[in-house]
Amino acid sequence: MPASSTRPTSKLDDDDYPAYTMGRAAEMLGTSPAFLRALGENRLITPLRSDGGHRRYSRYQLRIAARARELVDQGTKIEDACRIVILEDQLEEAQRINEELRADRTPVPPST
């Protein structure tokens, strides 16, 4: 049997693979499909579409949706929750880049 370039389980390991239907995603989050649609309308997550046009969500998108759900459950309006999650994500990325730049910086010895 020839070796394939992709293991069958590689999709299971991929956080970005759109493995979950809207119904299953809503069930996992303990919310409604309307909540997931609202997250899409507020541009927090953009699900991929199956060949039949059905929304499909990745584990990464479900983690983002879960964070938005936490904020909404605390009384934050959904539009504001989406903006907060987007800003948190941007801050995390900026901090990661900052750390990389600091690690790459080689100290210059003082001149005598």
Protein backbone atom coordinates (compact mmCIF):
# COMPACT_ATOMS: atom_id res chain seq x y z
CA MET A 1 0.00 0.00 0.00
CA PRO A 2 1.61 3.32 -1.03
CA ALA A 3 2.21 5.90 1.67
CA SER A 4 -0.15 8.81 1.40
CA SER A 5 0.89 12.37 2.07
CA THR A 6 -1.96 12.85 4.52
CA ARG A 7 -2.77 10.55 7.37
CA PRO A 8 -6.48 9.86 7.84
CA THR A 9 -6.27 11.27 11.36
CA SER A 10 -4.51 14.47 10.31
CA LYS A 11 -7.86 16.22 9.86
CA LEU A 12 -8.82 15.21 13.39
CA ASP A 13 -5.67 16.89 14.67
CA ASP A 14 -6.26 20.08 12.68
CA ASP A 15 -7.84 22.89 14.77
CA ASP A 16 -8.86 24.67 11.57
CA TYR A 17 -10.60 21.74 9.89
CA PRO A 18 -14.35 22.52 9.59
CA ALA A 19 -15.59 19.31 11.19
CA TYR A 20 -18.75 20.44 12.99
CA THR A 21 -22.16 21.19 11.57
CA MET A 22 -24.08 24.17 12.87
CA GLY A 23 -26.39 21.93 14.90
CA ARG A 24 -23.53 20.01 16.48
CA ALA A 25 -21.56 23.20 17.16
CA ALA A 26 -24.58 24.83 18.84
CA GLU A 27 -25.14 21.70 20.90
CA MET A 28 -21.50 21.60 22.02
CA LEU A 29 -21.65 25.27 23.05
CA GLY A 30 -25.04 24.92 24.70
CA THR A 31 -26.50 27.63 22.51
CA SER A 32 -28.71 28.01 19.47
CA PRO A 33 -27.87 28.09 15.77
CA ALA A 34 -29.11 31.70 15.81
CA PHE A 35 -26.28 32.58 18.21
CA LEU A 36 -23.73 31.15 15.77
CA ARG A 37 -25.33 33.04 12.89
CA ALA A 38 -25.12 36.25 14.96
CA LEU A 39 -21.41 35.67 15.51
CA GLY A 40 -21.02 35.39 11.75
CA GLU A 41 -23.05 38.54 11.15
CA ASN A 42 -20.77 40.38 13.59
CA ARG A 43 -17.72 39.00 11.74
CA LEU A 44 -16.32 37.16 14.73
CA ILE A 45 -16.22 33.82 12.93
CA THR A 46 -16.80 32.90 9.33
CA PRO A 47 -17.73 29.26 8.96
CA LEU A 48 -16.74 27.39 5.86
CA ARG A 49 -19.49 25.93 3.71
CA SER A 50 -19.96 22.31 2.73
CA ASP A 51 -20.61 21.42 -0.91
CA GLY A 52 -24.31 21.60 -0.06
CA GLY A 53 -23.94 25.12 1.39
CA HIS A 54 -24.20 24.14 5.07
CA ARG A 55 -22.11 25.98 7.65
CA ARG A 56 -19.19 24.01 9.09
CA TYR A 57 -17.16 25.07 12.13
CA SER A 58 -13.64 24.23 13.28
CA ARG A 59 -12.49 23.61 16.85
CA TYR A 60 -10.69 26.96 16.77
CA GLN A 61 -13.91 28.74 15.80
CA LEU A 62 -15.78 26.93 18.56
CA ARG A 63 -13.26 28.15 21.15
CA ILE A 64 -13.79 31.71 19.93
CA ALA A 65 -17.56 31.25 20.02
CA ALA A 66 -17.32 29.83 23.56
CA ARG A 67 -15.45 32.96 24.70
CA ALA A 68 -18.14 35.18 23.16
CA ARG A 69 -20.79 33.05 24.86
CA GLU A 70 -19.08 33.60 28.24
CA LEU A 71 -19.28 37.36 27.74
CA VAL A 72 -22.90 37.24 26.59
CA ASP A 73 -23.79 35.08 29.60
CA GLN A 74 -22.28 37.81 31.81
CA GLY A 75 -24.64 40.37 30.28
CA THR A 76 -22.53 41.78 27.46
CA LYS A 77 -24.41 42.56 24.25
CA ILE A 78 -23.44 40.19 21.46
CA GLU A 79 -22.04 42.97 19.27
CA ASP A 80 -19.83 44.14 22.13
CA ALA A 81 -18.80 40.58 23.00
CA CYS A 82 -17.65 40.01 19.44
CA ARG A 83 -15.61 43.22 19.47
CA ILE A 84 -14.02 42.28 22.82
CA VAL A 85 -13.03 38.84 21.54
CA ILE A 86 -11.56 40.37 18.37
CA LEU A 87 -9.55 42.86 20.43
CA GLU A 88 -8.36 40.12 22.80
CA ASP A 89 -7.18 38.11 19.81
CA GLN A 90 -5.37 41.12 18.33
CA LEU A 91 -3.70 41.87 21.67
CA GLU A 92 -2.55 38.27 22.04
CA GLU A 93 -1.06 38.35 18.53
CA ALA A 94 0.70 41.68 19.19
CA GLN A 95 2.16 40.34 22.43
CA ARG A 96 3.38 37.20 20.64
CA ILE A 97 5.08 39.29 17.94
CA ASN A 98 6.60 41.58 20.57
CA GLU A 99 8.06 38.59 22.42
CA GLU A 100 9.50 37.19 19.19
CA LEU A 101 11.12 40.52 18.37
CA ARG A 102 12.59 40.78 21.85
CA ALA A 103 13.97 37.24 21.62
CA ASP A 104 15.56 37.99 18.22
CA ARG A 105 17.27 41.13 19.47
CA THR A 106 20.92 40.45 20.19
CA PRO A 107 22.40 42.63 22.93
CA VAL A 108 25.19 44.90 21.73
CA PRO A 109 28.22 44.97 24.05
CA PRO A 110 29.09 48.43 25.35
CA SER A 111 31.99 50.14 23.62
CA THR A 112 35.07 50.98 25.62
